[in-house]
């Protein structure tokens, strides 16, 4: 939904440069590159064959913002009931107690016969 709102409010321009009937460049977020045949102050050309087209695509600038108070009573009840039932789906877990948390582990006893590899046969 946020994606739709973002692109419905986005405005941008599309610029195109034509030299004669040929499209030279099209740019959306930057300036178009020209073909180099523009008239300058020193050179006089009787007919200019280049033209620039600028198309402005304007997005929506007025968004309707509704609040909970704008809804009628039945819509408020349905929305409140839905929110309450949705939140009650998530039950918290009981706190798990570990009974041996504060006790030290017992001292380890080693089997000397296995450590020394001495066996009575």
PDB file of N, CA and C in Angstrom:
ATOM      1  N   UNK A   1       0.822  -1.182   0.000  1.00  0.00           N
ATOM      2  CA  UNK A   1       0.000   0.000   0.000  1.00  0.00           C
ATOM      3  C   UNK A   1       0.874   1.257   0.000  1.00  0.00           C
ATOM      4  N   UNK A   2       1.958   1.211   0.747  1.00  0.00           N
ATOM      5  CA  UNK A   2       2.857   2.356   0.784  1.00  0.00           C
ATOM      6  C   UNK A   2       3.500   2.584  -0.582  1.00  0.00           C
ATOM      7  N   UNK A   3       3.748   1.501  -1.306  1.00  0.00           N
ATOM      8  CA  UNK A   3       4.317   1.601  -2.657  1.00  0.00           C
ATOM      9  C   UNK A   3       3.359   2.342  -3.593  1.00  0.00           C
ATOM     10  N   UNK A   4       2.082   2.059  -3.498  1.00  0.00           N
ATOM     11  CA  UNK A   4       1.070   2.713  -4.339  1.00  0.00           C
ATOM     12  C   UNK A   4       0.969   4.193  -3.991  1.00  0.00           C
ATOM     13  N   UNK A   5       0.976   4.515  -2.700  1.00  0.00           N
ATOM     14  CA  UNK A   5       0.888   5.912  -2.281  1.00  0.00           C
ATOM     15  C   UNK A   5       2.128   6.688  -2.735  1.00  0.00           C
ATOM     16  N   UNK A   6       3.300   6.061  -2.627  1.00  0.00           N
ATOM     17  CA  UNK A   6       4.532   6.728  -3.042  1.00  0.00           C
ATOM     18  C   UNK A   6       4.509   7.085  -4.524  1.00  0.00           C
ATOM     19  N   UNK A   7       4.155   6.130  -5.365  1.00  0.00           N
ATOM     20  CA  UNK A   7       4.184   6.398  -6.798  1.00  0.00           C
ATOM     21  C   UNK A   7       2.979   7.184  -7.303  1.00  0.00           C
ATOM     22  N   UNK A   8       1.900   7.254  -6.550  1.00  0.00           N
ATOM     23  CA  UNK A   8       0.788   8.095  -6.980  1.00  0.00           C
ATOM     24  C   UNK A   8       1.055   9.563  -6.671  1.00  0.00           C
ATOM     25  N   UNK A   9       1.947   9.847  -5.734  1.00  0.00           N
ATOM     26  CA  UNK A   9       2.269  11.236  -5.400  1.00  0.00           C
ATOM     27  C   UNK A   9       3.568  11.704  -6.029  1.00  0.00           C
ATOM     28  N   UNK A  10       4.260  10.854  -6.768  1.00  0.00           N
ATOM     29  CA  UNK A  10       5.543  11.196  -7.384  1.00  0.00           C
ATOM     30  C   UNK A  10       5.315  12.024  -8.645  1.00  0.00           C
ATOM     31  N   UNK A  11       6.050  13.128  -8.773  1.00  0.00           N
ATOM     32  CA  UNK A  11       5.990  13.967  -9.972  1.00  0.00           C
ATOM     33  C   UNK A  11       7.363  13.990 -10.634  1.00  0.00           C
ATOM     34  N   UNK A  12       7.379  13.958 -11.947  1.00  0.00           N
ATOM     35  CA  UNK A  12       8.645  14.036 -12.677  1.00  0.00           C
ATOM     36  C   UNK A  12       8.403  14.558 -14.082  1.00  0.00           C
ATOM     37  N   UNK A  13       9.508  14.950 -14.749  1.00  0.00           N
ATOM     38  CA  UNK A  13       9.431  15.459 -16.116  1.00  0.00           C
ATOM     39  C   UNK A  13      10.191  14.530 -17.050  1.00  0.00           C
ATOM     40  N   UNK A  14       9.688  14.415 -18.264  1.00  0.00           N
ATOM     41  CA  UNK A  14      10.350  13.645 -19.304  1.00  0.00           C
ATOM     42  C   UNK A  14      10.718  14.629 -20.404  1.00  0.00           C
ATOM     43  N   UNK A  15      12.023  14.772 -20.640  1.00  0.00           N
ATOM     44  CA  UNK A  15      12.510  15.696 -21.667  1.00  0.00           C
ATOM     45  C   UNK A  15      13.026  14.895 -22.858  1.00  0.00           C
ATOM     46  N   UNK A  16      12.686  15.333 -24.049  1.00  0.00           N
ATOM     47  CA  UNK A  16      13.128  14.677 -25.281  1.00  0.00           C
ATOM     48  C   UNK A  16      13.724  15.729 -26.216  1.00  0.00           C
ATOM     49  N   UNK A  17      14.807  15.370 -26.906  1.00  0.00           N
ATOM     50  CA  UNK A  17      15.443  16.275 -27.868  1.00  0.00           C
ATOM     51  C   UNK A  17      15.389  15.613 -29.240  1.00  0.00           C
ATOM     52  N   UNK A  18      14.803  16.336 -30.199  1.00  0.00           N
ATOM     53  CA  UNK A  18      14.687  15.853 -31.570  1.00  0.00           C
ATOM     54  C   UNK A  18      15.544  16.708 -32.479  1.00  0.00           C
ATOM     55  N   UNK A  19      16.260  16.068 -33.370  1.00  0.00           N
ATOM     56  CA  UNK A  19      16.991  16.770 -34.424  1.00  0.00           C
ATOM     57  C   UNK A  19      16.345  16.356 -35.735  1.00  0.00           C
ATOM     58  N   UNK A  20      15.564  17.252 -36.277  1.00  0.00           N
ATOM     59  CA  UNK A  20      14.748  16.910 -37.435  1.00  0.00           C
ATOM     60  C   UNK A  20      13.612  16.024 -36.955  1.00  0.00           C
ATOM     61  N   UNK A  21      13.494  14.831 -37.544  1.00  0.00           N
ATOM     62  CA  UNK A  21      12.494  13.871 -37.095  1.00  0.00           C
ATOM     63  C   UNK A  21      13.098  12.744 -36.267  1.00  0.00           C
ATOM     64  N   UNK A  22      14.386  12.826 -35.984  1.00  0.00           N
ATOM     65  CA  UNK A  22      15.084  11.769 -35.258  1.00  0.00           C
ATOM     66  C   UNK A  22      15.191  12.120 -33.767  1.00  0.00           C
ATOM     67  N   UNK A  23      14.886  11.155 -32.932  1.00  0.00           N
ATOM     68  CA  UNK A  23      15.021  11.329 -31.496  1.00  0.00           C
ATOM     69  C   UNK A  23      16.493  11.163 -31.129  1.00  0.00           C
ATOM     70  N   UNK A  24      17.065  12.210 -30.512  1.00  0.00           N
ATOM     71  CA  UNK A  24      18.468  12.168 -30.129  1.00  0.00           C
ATOM     72  C   UNK A  24      18.624  11.640 -28.714  1.00  0.00           C
ATOM     73  N   UNK A  25      17.860  12.174 -27.763  1.00  0.00           N
ATOM     74  CA  UNK A  25      18.017  11.768 -26.368  1.00  0.00           C
ATOM     75  C   UNK A  25      16.709  11.983 -25.617  1.00  0.00           C
ATOM     76  N   UNK A  26      16.488  11.125 -24.624  1.00  0.00           N
ATOM     77  CA  UNK A  26      15.363  11.258 -23.709  1.00  0.00           C
ATOM     78  C   UNK A  26      15.907  11.129 -22.297  1.00  0.00           C
ATOM     79  N   UNK A  27      15.501  12.049 -21.427  1.00  0.00           N
ATOM     80  CA  UNK A  27      15.974  12.023 -20.043  1.00  0.00           C
ATOM     81  C   UNK A  27      14.803  12.216 -19.103  1.00  0.00           C
ATOM     82  N   UNK A  28      14.878  11.547 -17.953  1.00  0.00           N
ATOM     83  CA  UNK A  28      13.798  11.664 -16.978  1.00  0.00           C
ATOM     84  C   UNK A  28      14.203  12.553 -15.823  1.00  0.00           C
ATOM     85  N   UNK A  29      15.344  12.272 -15.192  1.00  0.00           N
ATOM     86  CA  UNK A  29      15.745  13.026 -14.020  1.00  0.00           C
ATOM     87  C   UNK A  29      16.942  13.937 -14.281  1.00  0.00           C
ATOM     88  N   UNK A  30      17.373  14.086 -15.528  1.00  0.00           N
ATOM     89  CA  UNK A  30      18.517  14.934 -15.844  1.00  0.00           C
ATOM     90  C   UNK A  30      18.225  15.717 -17.127  1.00  0.00           C
ATOM     91  N   UNK A  31      19.160  16.580 -17.517  1.00  0.00           N
ATOM     92  CA  UNK A  31      19.013  17.354 -18.754  1.00  0.00           C
ATOM     93  C   UNK A  31      19.305  16.472 -19.961  1.00  0.00           C
ATOM     94  N   UNK A  32      18.641  16.758 -21.072  1.00  0.00           N
ATOM     95  CA  UNK A  32      18.863  15.985 -22.287  1.00  0.00           C
ATOM     96  C   UNK A  32      20.140  16.442 -22.970  1.00  0.00           C
ATOM     97  N   UNK A  33      20.759  15.515 -23.667  1.00  0.00           N
ATOM     98  CA  UNK A  33      21.940  15.852 -24.466  1.00  0.00           C
ATOM     99  C   UNK A  33      21.456  16.349 -25.821  1.00  0.00           C
ATOM    100  N   UNK A  34      22.062  17.438 -26.277  1.00  0.00           N
ATOM    101  CA  UNK A  34      21.642  17.973 -27.571  1.00  0.00           C
ATOM    102  C   UNK A  34      22.545  17.425 -28.669  1.00  0.00           C
ATOM    103  N   UNK A  35      22.169  17.687 -29.899  1.00  0.00           N
ATOM    104  CA  UNK A  35      22.917  17.147 -31.033  1.00  0.00           C
ATOM    105  C   UNK A  35      24.036  18.079 -31.495  1.00  0.00           C
ATOM    106  N   UNK A  36      24.145  19.256 -30.935  1.00  0.00           N
ATOM    107  CA  UNK A  36      25.223  20.182 -31.276  1.00  0.00           C
ATOM    108  C   UNK A  36      24.905  21.103 -32.433  1.00  0.00           C
ATOM    109  N   UNK A  37      23.678  21.154 -32.860  1.00  0.00           N
ATOM    110  CA  UNK A  37      23.323  21.985 -34.004  1.00  0.00           C
ATOM    111  C   UNK A  37      22.510  23.209 -33.596  1.00  0.00           C
ATOM    112  N   UNK A  38      22.619  23.624 -32.329  1.00  0.00           N
ATOM    113  CA  UNK A  38      21.894  24.796 -31.894  1.00  0.00           C
ATOM    114  C   UNK A  38      22.545  26.047 -32.479  1.00  0.00           C
ATOM    115  N   UNK A  39      21.748  27.070 -32.648  1.00  0.00           N
ATOM    116  CA  UNK A  39      22.282  28.305 -33.206  1.00  0.00           C
ATOM    117  C   UNK A  39      23.070  29.043 -32.134  1.00  0.00           C
ATOM    118  N   UNK A  40      24.153  29.627 -32.510  1.00  0.00           N
ATOM    119  CA  UNK A  40      24.957  30.417 -31.587  1.00  0.00           C
ATOM    120  C   UNK A  40      24.884  31.877 -31.996  1.00  0.00           C
ATOM    121  N   UNK A  41      25.517  32.749 -31.250  1.00  0.00           N
ATOM    122  CA  UNK A  41      25.442  34.185 -31.510  1.00  0.00           C
ATOM    123  C   UNK A  41      26.249  34.560 -32.749  1.00  0.00           C
ATOM    124  N   UNK A  42      27.308  33.837 -33.031  1.00  0.00           N
ATOM    125  CA  UNK A  42      28.151  34.191 -34.174  1.00  0.00           C
ATOM    126  C   UNK A  42      27.643  33.597 -35.476  1.00  0.00           C
ATOM    127  N   UNK A  43      27.017  32.429 -35.408  1.00  0.00           N
ATOM    128  CA  UNK A  43      26.538  31.765 -36.618  1.00  0.00           C
ATOM    129  C   UNK A  43      25.041  31.983 -36.748  1.00  0.00           C
ATOM    130  N   UNK A  44      24.626  32.370 -37.913  1.00  0.00           N
ATOM    131  CA  UNK A  44      23.197  32.555 -38.140  1.00  0.00           C
ATOM    132  C   UNK A  44      22.702  31.462 -39.072  1.00  0.00           C
ATOM    133  N   UNK A  45      21.790  30.674 -38.588  1.00  0.00           N
ATOM    134  CA  UNK A  45      21.177  29.629 -39.401  1.00  0.00           C
ATOM    135  C   UNK A  45      19.731  30.033 -39.598  1.00  0.00           C
ATOM    136  N   UNK A  46      19.275  29.980 -40.823  1.00  0.00           N
ATOM    137  CA  UNK A  46      17.933  30.438 -41.121  1.00  0.00           C
ATOM    138  C   UNK A  46      16.873  29.508 -40.531  1.00  0.00           C
ATOM    139  N   UNK A  47      17.126  28.211 -40.561  1.00  0.00           N
ATOM    140  CA  UNK A  47      16.116  27.279 -40.099  1.00  0.00           C
ATOM    141  C   UNK A  47      16.727  26.377 -39.024  1.00  0.00           C
ATOM    142  N   UNK A  48      16.107  26.377 -37.869  1.00  0.00           N
ATOM    143  CA  UNK A  48      16.572  25.531 -36.785  1.00  0.00           C
ATOM    144  C   UNK A  48      15.815  24.211 -36.860  1.00  0.00           C
ATOM    145  N   UNK A  49      16.537  23.108 -37.016  1.00  0.00           N
ATOM    146  CA  UNK A  49      15.883  21.820 -37.184  1.00  0.00           C
ATOM    147  C   UNK A  49      15.665  21.098 -35.856  1.00  0.00           C
ATOM    148  N   UNK A  50      16.221  21.613 -34.795  1.00  0.00           N
ATOM    149  CA  UNK A  50      16.130  20.939 -33.491  1.00  0.00           C
ATOM    150  C   UNK A  50      14.928  21.445 -32.703  1.00  0.00           C
ATOM    151  N   UNK A  51      14.371  20.549 -31.914  1.00  0.00           N
ATOM    152  CA  UNK A  51      13.286  20.958 -31.022  1.00  0.00           C
ATOM    153  C   UNK A  51      13.344  20.110 -29.755  1.00  0.00           C
ATOM    154  N   UNK A  52      12.936  20.711 -28.660  1.00  0.00           N
ATOM    155  CA  UNK A  52      12.893  20.045 -27.358  1.00  0.00           C
ATOM    156  C   UNK A  52      11.441  19.901 -26.929  1.00  0.00           C
ATOM    157  N   UNK A  53      11.108  18.733 -26.424  1.00  0.00           N
ATOM    158  CA  UNK A  53       9.775  18.506 -25.884  1.00  0.00           C
ATOM    159  C   UNK A  53       9.915  18.176 -24.401  1.00  0.00           C
ATOM    160  N   UNK A  54       9.098  18.839 -23.599  1.00  0.00           N
ATOM    161  CA  UNK A  54       9.104  18.607 -22.153  1.00  0.00           C
ATOM    162  C   UNK A  54       7.696  18.183 -21.747  1.00  0.00           C
ATOM    163  N   UNK A  55       7.608  17.000 -21.155  1.00  0.00           N
ATOM    164  CA  UNK A  55       6.322  16.489 -20.687  1.00  0.00           C
ATOM    165  C   UNK A  55       6.387  16.359 -19.167  1.00  0.00           C
ATOM    166  N   UNK A  56       5.507  17.077 -18.497  1.00  0.00           N
ATOM    167  CA  UNK A  56       5.481  17.063 -17.037  1.00  0.00           C
ATOM    168  C   UNK A  56       4.384  16.112 -16.580  1.00  0.00           C
ATOM    169  N   UNK A  57       4.772  15.099 -15.803  1.00  0.00           N
ATOM    170  CA  UNK A  57       3.816  14.146 -15.245  1.00  0.00           C
ATOM    171  C   UNK A  57       3.684  14.461 -13.761  1.00  0.00           C
ATOM    172  N   UNK A  58       2.558  15.065 -13.424  1.00  0.00           N
ATOM    173  CA  UNK A  58       2.345  15.473 -12.039  1.00  0.00           C
ATOM    174  C   UNK A  58       1.567  14.400 -11.303  1.00  0.00           C
ATOM    175  N   UNK A  59       2.007  14.164 -10.080  1.00  0.00           N
ATOM    176  CA  UNK A  59       1.337  13.186  -9.234  1.00  0.00           C
ATOM    177  C   UNK A  59       0.228  13.837  -8.450  1.00  0.00           C
ATOM    178  N   UNK A  60      -0.422  13.032  -7.682  1.00  0.00           N
ATOM    179  CA  UNK A  60      -1.523  13.507  -6.849  1.00  0.00           C
ATOM    180  C   UNK A  60      -0.937  14.319  -5.700  1.00  0.00           C
ATOM    181  N   UNK A  61      -1.482  15.506  -5.468  1.00  0.00           N
ATOM    182  CA  UNK A  61      -0.949  16.340  -4.388  1.00  0.00           C
ATOM    183  C   UNK A  61      -1.902  16.466  -3.209  1.00  0.00           C
ATOM    184  N   UNK A  62      -3.090  15.949  -3.333  1.00  0.00           N
ATOM    185  CA  UNK A  62      -4.048  16.023  -2.229  1.00  0.00           C
ATOM    186  C   UNK A  62      -4.386  14.607  -1.797  1.00  0.00           C
ATOM    187  N   UNK A  63      -4.014  14.279  -0.590  1.00  0.00           N
ATOM    188  CA  UNK A  63      -4.328  12.978  -0.034  1.00  0.00           C
ATOM    189  C   UNK A  63      -5.411  13.132   1.022  1.00  0.00           C
ATOM    190  N   UNK A  64      -6.358  12.245   1.005  1.00  0.00           N
ATOM    191  CA  UNK A  64      -7.425  12.283   1.987  1.00  0.00           C
ATOM    192  C   UNK A  64      -6.984  11.451   3.188  1.00  0.00           C
ATOM    193  N   UNK A  65      -6.897  12.098   4.328  1.00  0.00           N
ATOM    194  CA  UNK A  65      -6.485  11.424   5.551  1.00  0.00           C
ATOM    195  C   UNK A  65      -7.703  11.267   6.442  1.00  0.00           C
ATOM    196  N   UNK A  66      -8.051  10.025   6.726  1.00  0.00           N
ATOM    197  CA  UNK A  66      -9.208   9.741   7.583  1.00  0.00           C
ATOM    198  C   UNK A  66      -8.727   9.415   8.989  1.00  0.00           C
ATOM    199  N   UNK A  67      -9.501   9.814   9.951  1.00  0.00           N
ATOM    200  CA  UNK A  67      -9.218   9.459  11.328  1.00  0.00           C
ATOM    201  C   UNK A  67     -10.302   8.521  11.823  1.00  0.00           C
ATOM    202  N   UNK A  68     -10.108   8.000  13.020  1.00  0.00           N
ATOM    203  CA  UNK A  68     -11.082   7.081  13.610  1.00  0.00           C
ATOM    204  C   UNK A  68     -12.410   7.788  13.857  1.00  0.00           C
ATOM    205  N   UNK A  69     -12.365   9.094  14.134  1.00  0.00           N
ATOM    206  CA  UNK A  69     -13.595   9.848  14.403  1.00  0.00           C
ATOM    207  C   UNK A  69     -14.417  10.102  13.139  1.00  0.00           C
ATOM    208  N   UNK A  70     -13.796   9.990  11.953  1.00  0.00           N
ATOM    209  CA  UNK A  70     -14.531  10.194  10.707  1.00  0.00           C
ATOM    210  C   UNK A  70     -15.431   9.008  10.358  1.00  0.00           C
ATOM    211  N   UNK A  71     -15.194   7.859  10.976  1.00  0.00           N
ATOM    212  CA  UNK A  71     -16.002   6.672  10.701  1.00  0.00           C
ATOM    213  C   UNK A  71     -17.326   6.746  11.460  1.00  0.00           C
ATOM    214  N   UNK A  72     -18.340   6.089  10.908  1.00  0.00           N
ATOM    215  CA  UNK A  72     -19.606   6.046  11.640  1.00  0.00           C
ATOM    216  C   UNK A  72     -19.516   4.981  12.729  1.00  0.00           C
ATOM    217  N   UNK A  73     -20.543   4.876  13.554  1.00  0.00           N
ATOM    218  CA  UNK A  73     -20.497   4.032  14.746  1.00  0.00           C
ATOM    219  C   UNK A  73     -20.297   2.557  14.413  1.00  0.00           C
ATOM    220  N   UNK A  74     -20.981   2.057  13.389  1.00  0.00           N
ATOM    221  CA  UNK A  74     -20.857   0.633  13.055  1.00  0.00           C
ATOM    222  C   UNK A  74     -19.450   0.316  12.539  1.00  0.00           C
ATOM    223  N   UNK A  75     -18.859   1.212  11.762  1.00  0.00           N
ATOM    224  CA  UNK A  75     -17.496   0.999  11.283  1.00  0.00           C
ATOM    225  C   UNK A  75     -16.494   1.045  12.424  1.00  0.00           C
ATOM    226  N   UNK A  76     -16.721   1.929  13.406  1.00  0.00           N
ATOM    227  CA  UNK A  76     -15.841   1.995  14.564  1.00  0.00           C
ATOM    228  C   UNK A  76     -15.915   0.707  15.373  1.00  0.00           C
ATOM    229  N   UNK A  77     -17.114   0.156  15.523  1.00  0.00           N
ATOM    230  CA  UNK A  77     -17.277  -1.087  16.288  1.00  0.00           C
ATOM    231  C   UNK A  77     -16.571  -2.238  15.575  1.00  0.00           C
ATOM    232  N   UNK A  78     -16.741  -2.329  14.257  1.00  0.00           N
ATOM    233  CA  UNK A  78     -16.097  -3.398  13.499  1.00  0.00           C
ATOM    234  C   UNK A  78     -14.581  -3.271  13.588  1.00  0.00           C
ATOM    235  N   UNK A  79     -14.066  -2.073  13.453  1.00  0.00           N
ATOM    236  CA  UNK A  79     -12.620  -1.866  13.512  1.00  0.00           C
ATOM    237  C   UNK A  79     -12.067  -2.166  14.901  1.00  0.00           C
ATOM    238  N   UNK A  80     -12.756  -1.741  15.935  1.00  0.00           N
ATOM    239  CA  UNK A  80     -12.304  -2.015  17.305  1.00  0.00           C
ATOM    240  C   UNK A  80     -12.362  -3.505  17.608  1.00  0.00           C
ATOM    241  N   UNK A  81     -13.397  -4.196  17.151  1.00  0.00           N
ATOM    242  CA  UNK A  81     -13.522  -5.636  17.362  1.00  0.00           C
ATOM    243  C   UNK A  81     -12.424  -6.396  16.631  1.00  0.00           C
ATOM    244  N   UNK A  82     -12.140  -5.987  15.410  1.00  0.00           N
ATOM    245  CA  UNK A  82     -11.077  -6.631  14.643  1.00  0.00           C
ATOM    246  C   UNK A  82      -9.730  -6.431  15.326  1.00  0.00           C
ATOM    247  N   UNK A  83      -9.449  -5.210  15.771  1.00  0.00           N
ATOM    248  CA  UNK A  83      -8.169  -4.938  16.434  1.00  0.00           C
ATOM    249  C   UNK A  83      -8.034  -5.749  17.712  1.00  0.00           C
ATOM    250  N   UNK A  84      -9.105  -5.831  18.508  1.00  0.00           N
ATOM    251  CA  UNK A  84      -9.062  -6.592  19.754  1.00  0.00           C
ATOM    252  C   UNK A  84      -8.851  -8.080  19.486  1.00  0.00           C
ATOM    253  N   UNK A  85      -9.559  -8.628  18.499  1.00  0.00           N
ATOM    254  CA  UNK A  85      -9.415 -10.057  18.204  1.00  0.00           C
ATOM    255  C   UNK A  85      -8.052 -10.361  17.603  1.00  0.00           C
ATOM    256  N   UNK A  86      -7.501  -9.447  16.833  1.00  0.00           N
ATOM    257  CA  UNK A  86      -6.177  -9.661  16.242  1.00  0.00           C
ATOM    258  C   UNK A  86      -5.097  -9.626  17.315  1.00  0.00           C
ATOM    259  N   UNK A  87      -5.199  -8.698  18.248  1.00  0.00           N
ATOM    260  CA  UNK A  87      -4.201  -8.599  19.312  1.00  0.00           C
ATOM    261  C   UNK A  87      -4.291  -9.798  20.243  1.00  0.00           C
ATOM    262  N   UNK A  88      -5.501 -10.331  20.462  1.00  0.00           N
ATOM    263  CA  UNK A  88      -5.647 -11.472  21.366  1.00  0.00           C
ATOM    264  C   UNK A  88      -5.108 -12.763  20.756  1.00  0.00           C
ATOM    265  N   UNK A  89      -4.780 -12.786  19.462  1.00  0.00           N
ATOM    266  CA  UNK A  89      -4.157 -13.957  18.859  1.00  0.00           C
ATOM    267  C   UNK A  89      -2.758 -14.196  19.408  1.00  0.00           C
ATOM    268  N   UNK A  90      -2.087 -13.139  19.795  1.00  0.00           N
ATOM    269  CA  UNK A  90      -0.716 -13.235  20.270  1.00  0.00           C
ATOM    270  C   UNK A  90      -0.724 -13.342  21.790  1.00  0.00           C
ATOM    271  N   UNK A  91      -0.548 -14.553  22.270  1.00  0.00           N
ATOM    272  CA  UNK A  91      -0.520 -14.776  23.706  1.00  0.00           C
ATOM    273  C   UNK A  91       0.928 -14.787  24.161  1.00  0.00           C
ATOM    274  N   UNK A  92       1.160 -14.191  25.301  1.00  0.00           N
ATOM    275  CA  UNK A  92       2.519 -14.176  25.814  1.00  0.00           C
ATOM    276  C   UNK A  92       2.836 -15.514  26.460  1.00  0.00           C
ATOM    277  N   UNK A  93       4.078 -15.901  26.385  1.00  0.00           N
ATOM    278  CA  UNK A  93       4.506 -17.153  26.976  1.00  0.00           C
ATOM    279  C   UNK A  93       4.694 -16.975  28.472  1.00  0.00           C
ATOM    280  N   UNK A  94       4.492 -18.057  29.205  1.00  0.00           N
ATOM    281  CA  UNK A  94       4.720 -17.996  30.630  1.00  0.00           C
ATOM    282  C   UNK A  94       6.215 -17.910  30.899  1.00  0.00           C
ATOM    283  N   UNK A  95       6.540 -17.254  31.985  1.00  0.00           N
ATOM    284  CA  UNK A  95       7.934 -17.115  32.340  1.00  0.00           C
ATOM    285  C   UNK A  95       8.450 -18.481  32.791  1.00  0.00           C
ATOM    286  N   UNK A  96       9.475 -18.935  32.120  1.00  0.00           N
ATOM    287  CA  UNK A  96      10.017 -20.239  32.449  1.00  0.00           C
ATOM    288  C   UNK A  96      10.995 -20.101  33.611  1.00  0.00           C
ATOM    289  N   UNK A  97      10.813 -20.931  34.597  1.00  0.00           N
ATOM    290  CA  UNK A  97      11.710 -20.901  35.745  1.00  0.00           C
ATOM    291  C   UNK A  97      12.667 -22.074  35.646  1.00  0.00           C
ATOM    292  N   UNK A  98      13.890 -21.813  35.970  1.00  0.00           N
ATOM    293  CA  UNK A  98      14.912 -22.850  35.984  1.00  0.00           C
ATOM    294  C   UNK A  98      15.243 -23.131  37.443  1.00  0.00           C
ATOM    295  N   UNK A  99      14.884 -24.301  37.961  1.00  0.00           N
ATOM    296  CA  UNK A  99      15.065 -24.543  39.395  1.00  0.00           C
ATOM    297  C   UNK A  99      16.522 -24.660  39.815  1.00  0.00           C
ATOM    298  N   UNK A 100      17.403 -25.056  38.936  1.00  0.00           N
ATOM    299  CA  UNK A 100      18.799 -25.250  39.295  1.00  0.00           C
ATOM    300  C   UNK A 100      19.688 -24.071  38.876  1.00  0.00           C
ATOM    301  N   UNK A 101      19.104 -22.922  38.634  1.00  0.00           N
ATOM    302  CA  UNK A 101      19.864 -21.784  38.136  1.00  0.00           C
ATOM    303  C   UNK A 101      20.870 -21.264  39.160  1.00  0.00           C
ATOM    304  N   UNK A 102      20.532 -21.261  40.420  1.00  0.00           N
ATOM    305  CA  UNK A 102      21.412 -20.690  41.431  1.00  0.00           C
ATOM    306  C   UNK A 102      22.299 -21.730  42.111  1.00  0.00           C
ATOM    307  N   UNK A 103      22.263 -22.969  41.686  1.00  0.00           N
ATOM    308  CA  UNK A 103      23.082 -24.019  42.287  1.00  0.00           C
ATOM    309  C   UNK A 103      24.315 -24.264  41.419  1.00  0.00           C
ATOM    310  N   UNK A 104      25.415 -24.549  42.077  1.00  0.00           N
ATOM    311  CA  UNK A 104      26.646 -24.870  41.368  1.00  0.00           C
ATOM    312  C   UNK A 104      26.600 -26.326  40.915  1.00  0.00           C
ATOM    313  N   UNK A 105      27.205 -26.636  39.797  1.00  0.00           N
ATOM    314  CA  UNK A 105      27.214 -28.030  39.360  1.00  0.00           C
ATOM    315  C   UNK A 105      28.114 -28.858  40.275  1.00  0.00           C
ATOM    316  N   UNK A 106      27.872 -30.137  40.329  1.00  0.00           N
ATOM    317  CA  UNK A 106      28.702 -30.974  41.195  1.00  0.00           C
ATOM    318  C   UNK A 106      30.115 -31.118  40.633  1.00  0.00           C
ATOM    319  N   UNK A 107      31.050 -31.442  41.517  1.00  0.00           N
ATOM    320  CA  UNK A 107      32.425 -31.669  41.072  1.00  0.00           C
ATOM    321  C   UNK A 107      32.482 -32.918  40.211  1.00  0.00           C
ATOM    322  N   UNK A 108      33.277 -32.844  39.186  1.00  0.00           N
ATOM    323  CA  UNK A 108      33.402 -33.972  38.273  1.00  0.00           C
ATOM    324  C   UNK A 108      34.340 -35.009  38.881  1.00  0.00           C
ATOM    325  N   UNK A 109      33.962 -36.234  38.773  1.00  0.00           N
ATOM    326  CA  UNK A 109      34.834 -37.325  39.202  1.00  0.00           C
ATOM    327  C   UNK A 109      35.314 -38.039  37.959  1.00  0.00           C
ATOM    328  N   UNK A 110      36.568 -38.318  37.956  1.00  0.00           N
ATOM    329  CA  UNK A 110      37.165 -38.960  36.795  1.00  0.00           C
ATOM    330  C   UNK A 110      37.388 -40.437  37.091  1.00  0.00           C
ATOM    331  N   UNK A 111      37.228 -41.240  36.121  1.00  0.00           N
ATOM    332  CA  UNK A 111      37.522 -42.658  36.246  1.00  0.00           C
ATOM    333  C   UNK A 111      39.010 -42.829  35.968  1.00  0.00           C
ATOM    334  N   UNK A 112      39.789 -43.024  37.027  1.00  0.00           N
ATOM    335  CA  UNK A 112      41.248 -43.072  36.922  1.00  0.00           C
ATOM    336  C   UNK A 112      41.686 -44.247  36.060  1.00  0.00           C
ATOM    337  N   UNK A 113      40.999 -45.354  36.141  1.00  0.00           N
ATOM    338  CA  UNK A 113      41.404 -46.534  35.374  1.00  0.00           C
ATOM    339  C   UNK A 113      41.309 -46.271  33.875  1.00  0.00           C
ATOM    340  N   UNK A 114      40.276 -45.549  33.452  1.00  0.00           N
ATOM    341  CA  UNK A 114      40.171 -45.253  32.011  1.00  0.00           C
ATOM    342  C   UNK A 114      41.175 -44.194  31.589  1.00  0.00           C
ATOM    343  N   UNK A 115      41.424 -43.218  32.443  1.00  0.00           N
ATOM    344  CA  UNK A 115      42.386 -42.166  32.088  1.00  0.00           C
ATOM    345  C   UNK A 115      43.811 -42.734  31.975  1.00  0.00           C
ATOM    346  N   UNK A 116      44.184 -43.658  32.869  1.00  0.00           N
ATOM    347  CA  UNK A 116      45.502 -44.224  32.844  1.00  0.00           C
ATOM    348  C   UNK A 116      45.592 -45.453  31.957  1.00  0.00           C
ATOM    349  N   UNK A 117      44.458 -45.936  31.493  1.00  0.00           N
ATOM    350  CA  UNK A 117      44.351 -47.124  30.649  1.00  0.00           C
ATOM    351  C   UNK A 117      44.984 -48.341  31.311  1.00  0.00           C
ATOM    352  N   UNK A 118      44.650 -48.514  32.559  1.00  0.00           N
ATOM    353  CA  UNK A 118      45.099 -49.709  33.286  1.00  0.00           C
ATOM    354  C   UNK A 118      43.871 -50.519  33.635  1.00  0.00           C
ATOM    355  N   UNK A 119      43.901 -51.794  33.234  1.00  0.00           N
ATOM    356  CA  UNK A 119      42.762 -52.652  33.425  1.00  0.00           C
ATOM    357  C   UNK A 119      43.224 -53.936  34.095  1.00  0.00           C
ATOM    358  N   UNK A 120      42.422 -54.497  34.977  1.00  0.00           N
ATOM    359  CA  UNK A 120      42.684 -55.791  35.574  1.00  0.00           C
ATOM    360  C   UNK A 120      42.073 -56.868  34.680  1.00  0.00           C
ATOM    361  N   UNK A 121      42.876 -57.787  34.304  1.00  0.00           N
ATOM    362  CA  UNK A 121      42.379 -58.842  33.440  1.00  0.00           C
ATOM    363  C   UNK A 121      42.237 -60.114  34.231  1.00  0.00           C
TER     364      UNK A 121
END
